[in-house]
């Protein structure tokens, strides 16, 4: 019997590229539907359900001949408003689920789809009621613009031969130009099949303790990255929220769970969601899953996507995307609404010749 492992599937294979791009088509269509629905009076829970349903409908039209191929949500729709930074995907009875959007709310929407384990995720920021005649101004505009330009810079810096800490330094300079900061402990990851948290990582605002020990890496051809950019007008220290966590995922950690409930839950989660994030709302028995997740997260076989919040009065801009690194360049396959400087009007600008030259490439 051969012990040779099957080589990992990469985007050197055109079939893998096709699956990534098909997942991206579903993701991009779904996020645009949610962003378009972010109007005054729209409820957060309804927007989350809209995004998840749009993903499922989109996936039903992809690779229809292969009935055994895995297809599903790679990141459940989260709708985080104003000072709620990320991961807000409430259940029907959770506090904030029925919150209605108001004109001027800063809304961050994130979601993703996967086909055969190849995931495409997107995150975008929109301001309710914003238009050319009613533009976003002030500090919200600063944060949103900074996140946009940081994302554009990262896309250009992911090319083979560049290093992760170069990305860190450039993003910090861009944020500083808008008198903002990247939020600490936000890490972007290399993606692999069935895994959003691959080996290589990029941190945008390391602490003094993290910077000297954070693993340095060089980008290489045929890698895929999930880029997460969160830029705040605050000091970069978002705090854990008291709101109930609803997004979890199974990890690669193995452990002999003590309770029957936890063992049953982790098996069910693995079969239904693999190692992709899921929302408790998507489970048949929410109470059972939530109880089982207590031990699972405690010992690390599952990860909780905790909700974080900024201080009142601060604004946060998010840009999240999946990017393919090829020998010929970087292809960004997920994107929400196009950034429009006529709608997002900041009085600050990037003046560094080095950064301007990078953004013009």
Protein backbone atom coordinates (compact mmCIF):
# COMPACT_ATOMS: atom_id res chain seq x y z
CA UNK A 1 0.00 0.00 0.00
CA UNK A 2 1.34 3.42 -0.94
CA UNK A 3 1.68 6.06 1.74
CA UNK A 4 1.98 8.85 -0.82
CA UNK A 5 -0.36 11.71 0.00
CA UNK A 6 -2.56 13.24 -2.67
CA UNK A 7 -1.08 16.63 -3.60
CA UNK A 8 -3.08 19.58 -2.32
CA UNK A 9 -5.31 21.12 -4.96
CA UNK A 10 -4.12 24.61 -5.93
CA UNK A 11 -4.97 27.24 -8.51
CA UNK A 12 -2.23 25.82 -10.74
CA UNK A 13 -5.13 23.58 -11.78
CA UNK A 14 -7.60 25.44 -14.03
CA UNK A 15 -10.47 23.36 -12.63
CA UNK A 16 -9.73 24.71 -9.16
CA UNK A 17 -9.67 28.26 -10.52
CA UNK A 18 -13.06 27.66 -12.12
CA UNK A 19 -14.53 26.53 -8.79
CA UNK A 20 -13.13 29.55 -6.96
CA UNK A 21 -14.57 31.87 -9.60
CA UNK A 22 -17.96 30.14 -9.62
CA UNK A 23 -18.11 30.53 -5.83
CA UNK A 24 -17.10 34.17 -6.27
CA UNK A 25 -19.93 34.76 -8.73
CA UNK A 26 -22.39 33.49 -6.12
CA UNK A 27 -20.78 35.54 -3.35
CA UNK A 28 -20.65 38.78 -5.35
CA UNK A 29 -24.27 38.46 -6.44
CA UNK A 30 -25.43 37.74 -2.88
CA UNK A 31 -23.56 40.62 -1.25
CA UNK A 32 -24.86 43.08 -3.81
CA UNK A 33 -28.41 42.01 -3.02
CA UNK A 34 -27.82 42.60 0.69
CA UNK A 35 -26.08 45.93 0.16
CA UNK A 36 -28.93 47.11 -2.06
CA UNK A 37 -31.40 46.14 0.68
CA UNK A 38 -29.56 48.15 3.36
CA UNK A 39 -32.17 50.88 3.43
CA UNK A 40 -33.89 52.75 6.21
CA UNK A 41 -36.25 50.39 8.03
CA UNK A 42 -34.56 47.14 6.95
CA UNK A 43 -34.08 44.74 9.87
CA UNK A 44 -30.73 43.09 10.57
CA UNK A 45 -32.19 39.59 10.88
CA UNK A 46 -33.95 39.95 7.52
CA UNK A 47 -30.76 41.11 5.83
CA UNK A 48 -28.85 38.13 7.23
CA UNK A 49 -31.49 35.71 6.00
CA UNK A 50 -31.56 37.45 2.61
CA UNK A 51 -27.82 36.94 2.16
CA UNK A 52 -27.83 33.29 3.21
CA UNK A 53 -30.81 32.52 0.97
CA UNK A 54 -29.15 34.27 -1.97
CA UNK A 55 -26.05 32.11 -1.52
CA UNK A 56 -28.08 28.92 -1.44
CA UNK A 57 -30.03 29.87 -4.57
CA UNK A 58 -26.86 30.85 -6.38
CA UNK A 59 -25.09 27.63 -5.48
CA UNK A 60 -28.05 25.56 -6.69
CA UNK A 61 -27.25 26.77 -10.22
CA UNK A 62 -23.55 25.86 -10.10
CA UNK A 63 -22.07 22.45 -11.01
CA UNK A 64 -25.53 20.93 -11.24
CA UNK A 65 -24.38 17.67 -12.85
CA UNK A 66 -22.13 16.65 -9.95
CA UNK A 67 -24.60 15.76 -7.20
CA UNK A 68 -21.87 14.69 -4.78
CA UNK A 69 -19.85 17.90 -4.93
CA UNK A 70 -19.80 19.88 -1.70
CA UNK A 71 -21.42 23.31 -1.99
CA UNK A 72 -22.44 25.61 0.82
CA UNK A 73 -22.05 28.80 2.80
CA UNK A 74 -18.40 29.55 3.52
CA UNK A 75 -19.24 32.43 5.83
CA UNK A 76 -22.80 33.15 7.01
CA UNK A 77 -24.14 36.61 6.34
CA UNK A 78 -23.23 39.02 9.12
CA UNK A 79 -24.56 42.57 9.32
CA UNK A 80 -22.62 44.71 11.79
CA UNK A 81 -23.91 48.25 12.35
CA UNK A 82 -22.08 51.33 13.62
CA UNK A 83 -19.99 50.42 16.70
CA UNK A 84 -20.58 46.66 16.28
CA UNK A 85 -17.42 45.80 14.37
CA UNK A 86 -17.92 42.27 13.07
CA UNK A 87 -19.54 38.80 13.24
CA UNK A 88 -23.07 39.97 14.06
CA UNK A 89 -25.39 37.26 12.69
CA UNK A 90 -28.20 37.10 15.24
CA UNK A 91 -30.78 34.41 15.78
CA UNK A 92 -34.45 35.33 15.63
CA UNK A 93 -34.64 35.93 19.37
CA UNK A 94 -31.30 37.63 19.93
CA UNK A 95 -30.98 41.22 21.08
CA UNK A 96 -30.53 43.42 18.05
CA UNK A 97 -32.05 40.99 15.55
CA UNK A 98 -35.04 43.24 14.97
CA UNK A 99 -32.97 46.43 14.88
CA UNK A 100 -34.04 48.54 11.91
CA UNK A 101 -31.45 50.45 9.94
CA UNK A 102 -31.59 54.24 9.98
CA UNK A 103 -30.26 56.82 7.56
CA UNK A 104 -26.59 57.45 8.28
CA UNK A 105 -25.90 54.01 9.82
CA UNK A 106 -22.52 52.57 8.86
CA UNK A 107 -23.18 48.93 7.91
CA UNK A 108 -20.61 46.19 7.32
CA UNK A 109 -21.85 43.13 5.43
CA UNK A 110 -19.81 39.94 5.13
CA UNK A 111 -20.68 36.59 3.53
CA UNK A 112 -19.18 33.82 1.43
CA UNK A 113 -19.82 30.69 -0.64
CA UNK A 114 -17.79 27.55 -1.30
CA UNK A 115 -17.79 24.97 -4.07
CA UNK A 116 -15.88 21.73 -3.49
CA UNK A 117 -14.24 23.43 -0.50
CA UNK A 118 -12.90 26.37 -2.53
CA UNK A 119 -14.27 29.47 -0.84
CA UNK A 120 -14.88 33.03 -1.93
CA UNK A 121 -15.66 35.56 0.83
CA UNK A 122 -16.44 39.26 0.67
CA UNK A 123 -17.00 42.08 3.13
CA UNK A 124 -18.09 45.61 2.31
CA UNK A 125 -19.12 48.81 4.08
CA UNK A 126 -22.14 50.87 3.11
CA UNK A 127 -23.81 53.92 4.67
CA UNK A 128 -27.60 53.88 4.69
CA UNK A 129 -29.06 56.60 2.47
CA UNK A 130 -25.71 57.76 1.07
CA UNK A 131 -25.60 59.11 -2.47
CA UNK A 132 -23.87 61.80 -4.51
CA UNK A 133 -26.50 64.26 -3.30
CA UNK A 134 -26.19 63.00 0.29
CA UNK A 135 -22.54 61.98 0.59
CA UNK A 136 -20.74 60.34 3.50
CA UNK A 137 -18.46 62.89 5.15
CA UNK A 138 -16.46 63.33 8.34
CA UNK A 139 -14.85 60.49 10.22
CA UNK A 140 -17.03 57.77 8.69
CA UNK A 141 -15.76 58.81 5.26
CA UNK A 142 -12.18 58.72 6.56
CA UNK A 143 -12.51 55.14 7.84
CA UNK A 144 -14.29 53.84 4.74
CA UNK A 145 -11.82 55.50 2.36
CA UNK A 146 -8.84 54.24 4.36
CA UNK A 147 -10.19 50.67 4.26
CA UNK A 148 -10.76 50.94 0.51
CA UNK A 149 -7.26 52.17 -0.29
CA UNK A 150 -5.72 49.67 2.13
CA UNK A 151 -7.50 46.87 0.26
CA UNK A 152 -6.29 48.23 -3.07
CA UNK A 153 -2.72 48.36 -1.77
CA UNK A 154 -2.85 44.81 -0.41
CA UNK A 155 -4.12 43.51 -3.74
CA UNK A 156 -1.04 45.01 -5.41
CA UNK A 157 1.38 43.82 -2.71
CA UNK A 158 0.36 40.15 -2.71
CA UNK A 159 2.49 39.40 -5.74
CA UNK A 160 5.08 36.60 -5.49
CA UNK A 161 8.30 37.58 -3.74
CA UNK A 162 6.78 40.24 -1.49
CA UNK A 163 6.54 39.68 2.27
CA UNK A 164 3.71 39.96 4.76
CA UNK A 165 5.28 42.62 6.98
CA UNK A 166 5.66 44.89 3.94
CA UNK A 167 1.88 44.74 3.67
CA UNK A 168 1.59 45.56 7.37
CA UNK A 169 3.76 48.64 7.07
CA UNK A 170 2.05 50.00 3.95
CA UNK A 171 -1.45 49.56 5.37
CA UNK A 172 -0.48 51.35 8.57
CA UNK A 173 0.83 54.28 6.51
CA UNK A 174 -2.40 54.43 4.51
CA UNK A 175 -4.52 54.36 7.66
CA UNK A 176 -2.36 57.09 9.19
CA UNK A 177 -2.97 59.32 6.15
CA UNK A 178 -6.65 59.29 7.07
CA UNK A 179 -5.90 59.69 10.80
CA UNK A 180 -7.14 56.14 11.41
CA UNK A 181 -5.74 52.81 12.57
CA UNK A 182 -6.20 49.17 11.58
CA UNK A 183 -7.96 47.23 14.33
CA UNK A 184 -5.63 45.02 16.33
CA UNK A 185 -5.77 41.21 16.24
CA UNK A 186 -7.36 41.14 12.78
CA UNK A 187 -5.40 38.59 10.74
CA UNK A 188 -5.69 37.71 7.05
CA UNK A 189 -5.00 34.10 6.09
CA UNK A 190 -3.87 31.99 3.21
CA UNK A 191 -6.79 29.87 2.04
CA UNK A 192 -6.70 26.20 1.16
CA UNK A 193 -9.36 23.71 0.17
CA UNK A 194 -11.86 23.37 3.04
CA UNK A 195 -9.81 25.78 5.16
CA UNK A 196 -10.05 29.56 5.48
CA UNK A 197 -7.16 29.61 7.98
CA UNK A 198 -4.22 28.26 5.99
CA UNK A 199 -0.55 28.49 6.88
CA UNK A 200 0.56 32.01 5.95
CA UNK A 201 -0.84 35.07 7.70
CA UNK A 202 -0.87 38.85 7.46
CA UNK A 203 -1.45 41.06 10.50
CA UNK A 204 -2.24 44.72 9.91
CA UNK A 205 -1.76 46.21 13.37
CA UNK A 206 0.49 44.04 15.53
CA UNK A 207 1.11 44.99 19.13
CA UNK A 208 4.65 45.73 20.27
CA UNK A 209 4.76 42.17 21.64
CA UNK A 210 3.39 40.57 18.45
CA UNK A 211 5.57 42.32 15.88
CA UNK A 212 8.94 40.65 16.66
CA UNK A 213 7.45 37.16 16.95
CA UNK A 214 4.78 37.20 14.23
CA UNK A 215 5.79 34.64 11.57
CA UNK A 216 7.32 36.32 8.54
CA UNK A 217 6.42 34.85 5.16
CA UNK A 218 6.87 35.42 1.46
CA UNK A 219 4.00 35.22 -1.01
CA UNK A 220 4.31 32.60 -3.72
CA UNK A 221 2.54 31.74 -6.98
CA UNK A 222 -0.68 29.69 -6.82
CA UNK A 223 -1.60 30.79 -3.30
CA UNK A 224 -5.02 32.12 -2.32
CA UNK A 225 -5.64 34.68 0.42
CA UNK A 226 -8.66 35.82 2.40
CA UNK A 227 -7.90 39.47 3.12
CA UNK A 228 -9.60 41.16 6.10
CA UNK A 229 -9.23 44.93 6.48
CA UNK A 230 -10.87 46.76 9.38
CA UNK A 231 -9.92 50.42 9.78
CA UNK A 232 -11.17 52.48 12.72
CA UNK A 233 -11.18 56.12 13.67
CA UNK A 234 -10.45 54.95 17.22
CA UNK A 235 -7.26 53.73 18.86
CA UNK A 236 -7.38 50.28 17.24
CA UNK A 237 -8.55 48.44 20.36
CA UNK A 238 -12.02 46.99 19.73
CA UNK A 239 -13.43 45.23 22.78
CA UNK A 240 -15.32 41.96 23.07
CA UNK A 241 -19.05 42.58 23.02
CA UNK A 242 -21.57 41.32 25.54
CA UNK A 243 -23.79 40.25 22.65
CA UNK A 244 -24.25 36.52 22.23
CA UNK A 245 -21.91 34.77 19.78
CA UNK A 246 -23.70 33.02 16.94
CA UNK A 247 -20.96 32.14 14.44
CA UNK A 248 -18.72 29.13 15.06
CA UNK A 249 -16.57 26.71 13.09
CA UNK A 250 -14.94 23.35 13.59
CA UNK A 251 -11.15 23.51 13.83
CA UNK A 252 -8.46 20.98 12.90
CA UNK A 253 -7.78 20.34 16.61
CA UNK A 254 -8.60 16.84 17.86
CA UNK A 255 -9.58 16.14 21.47
CA UNK A 256 -11.50 13.42 23.29
CA UNK A 257 -14.58 15.35 24.32
CA UNK A 258 -15.99 14.39 27.70
CA UNK A 259 -19.70 14.93 27.18
CA UNK A 260 -21.94 12.99 24.86
CA UNK A 261 -23.65 16.22 23.83
CA UNK A 262 -20.39 17.82 22.70
CA UNK A 263 -19.34 14.71 20.75
CA UNK A 264 -22.68 14.61 18.97
CA UNK A 265 -22.54 18.30 18.17
CA UNK A 266 -19.01 18.35 16.74
CA UNK A 267 -19.85 15.34 14.56
CA UNK A 268 -23.01 17.00 13.28
CA UNK A 269 -21.21 20.28 12.62
CA UNK A 270 -18.40 18.53 10.75
CA UNK A 271 -20.81 16.64 8.53
CA UNK A 272 -23.00 19.64 7.75
CA UNK A 273 -20.51 22.52 7.57
CA UNK A 274 -17.06 20.86 7.33
CA UNK A 275 -14.56 23.43 8.70
CA UNK A 276 -16.40 26.49 7.43
CA UNK A 277 -18.02 29.04 9.74
CA UNK A 278 -21.71 28.55 10.37
CA UNK A 279 -24.44 30.31 12.29
CA UNK A 280 -26.42 28.68 15.08
CA UNK A 281 -29.54 29.77 13.22
CA UNK A 282 -28.71 27.31 10.42
CA UNK A 283 -28.88 24.31 12.80
CA UNK A 284 -31.99 22.17 13.36
CA UNK A 285 -31.70 22.20 17.15
CA UNK A 286 -30.20 25.53 18.16
CA UNK A 287 -30.30 24.77 21.88
CA UNK A 288 -28.45 21.46 21.49
CA UNK A 289 -25.77 23.00 19.28
CA UNK A 290 -25.25 25.93 21.63
CA UNK A 291 -24.90 23.67 24.66
CA UNK A 292 -22.46 21.38 22.87
CA UNK A 293 -20.38 24.31 21.68
CA UNK A 294 -19.56 25.25 25.28
CA UNK A 295 -17.13 22.33 25.69
CA UNK A 296 -16.09 22.34 22.03
CA UNK A 297 -14.86 25.95 22.15
CA UNK A 298 -13.33 25.52 25.59
CA UNK A 299 -10.95 22.76 24.39
CA UNK A 300 -10.39 24.26 20.94
CA UNK A 301 -12.11 21.78 18.63
CA UNK A 302 -14.42 24.64 17.66
CA UNK A 303 -13.80 28.36 17.32
CA UNK A 304 -16.23 31.06 18.36
CA UNK A 305 -16.35 34.17 16.17
CA UNK A 306 -16.85 36.64 18.97
CA UNK A 307 -18.56 39.93 18.32
CA UNK A 308 -16.44 43.02 18.94
CA UNK A 309 -17.46 46.64 19.42
CA UNK A 310 -15.85 50.04 19.08
CA UNK A 311 -16.32 52.98 21.40
CA UNK A 312 -19.40 55.16 20.83
CA UNK A 313 -18.75 57.85 18.26
CA UNK A 314 -16.04 55.93 16.37
CA UNK A 315 -16.47 54.68 12.80
CA UNK A 316 -15.16 51.47 11.21
CA UNK A 317 -14.64 50.65 7.54
CA UNK A 318 -14.32 47.05 6.33
CA UNK A 319 -13.03 45.56 3.10
CA UNK A 320 -12.78 41.77 2.82
CA UNK A 321 -11.95 39.83 -0.32
CA UNK A 322 -10.50 36.62 -1.72
CA UNK A 323 -7.46 36.99 -3.97
CA UNK A 324 -5.66 34.52 -6.24
CA UNK A 325 -1.88 34.91 -6.51
CA UNK A 326 -0.62 33.81 -9.92
CA UNK A 327 2.77 34.05 -11.64
CA UNK A 328 1.31 36.86 -13.75
CA UNK A 329 -0.27 38.91 -10.98
CA UNK A 330 -3.02 39.02 -8.38
CA UNK A 331 -6.68 38.52 -9.22
CA UNK A 332 -9.25 39.78 -6.75
CA UNK A 333 -12.30 37.59 -7.30
CA UNK A 334 -14.73 39.05 -4.75
CA UNK A 335 -15.93 42.62 -4.54
CA UNK A 336 -19.11 44.30 -3.37
CA UNK A 337 -20.26 47.72 -4.52
CA UNK A 338 -17.64 49.83 -6.30
CA UNK A 339 -16.05 52.55 -4.16
CA UNK A 340 -17.29 55.96 -5.29
CA UNK A 341 -15.35 59.03 -4.10
CA UNK A 342 -18.34 61.17 -5.02
CA UNK A 343 -20.37 59.32 -2.39
CA UNK A 344 -17.61 58.85 0.20
CA UNK A 345 -16.09 62.32 0.52
CA UNK A 346 -13.09 62.59 2.83
CA UNK A 347 -11.05 65.76 3.20
CA UNK A 348 -7.92 63.69 3.78
CA UNK A 349 -5.68 62.15 1.16
CA UNK A 350 -2.62 60.00 0.65
CA UNK A 351 0.40 62.20 -0.04
CA UNK A 352 3.23 59.65 0.12
CA UNK A 353 4.81 59.32 -3.33
CA UNK A 354 5.61 55.69 -2.58
CA UNK A 355 2.00 54.83 -1.75
CA UNK A 356 0.58 56.83 -4.65
CA UNK A 357 2.90 55.04 -7.06
CA UNK A 358 1.81 51.67 -5.61
CA UNK A 359 -1.89 52.48 -5.98
CA UNK A 360 -1.41 53.59 -9.57
CA UNK A 361 0.08 50.26 -10.65
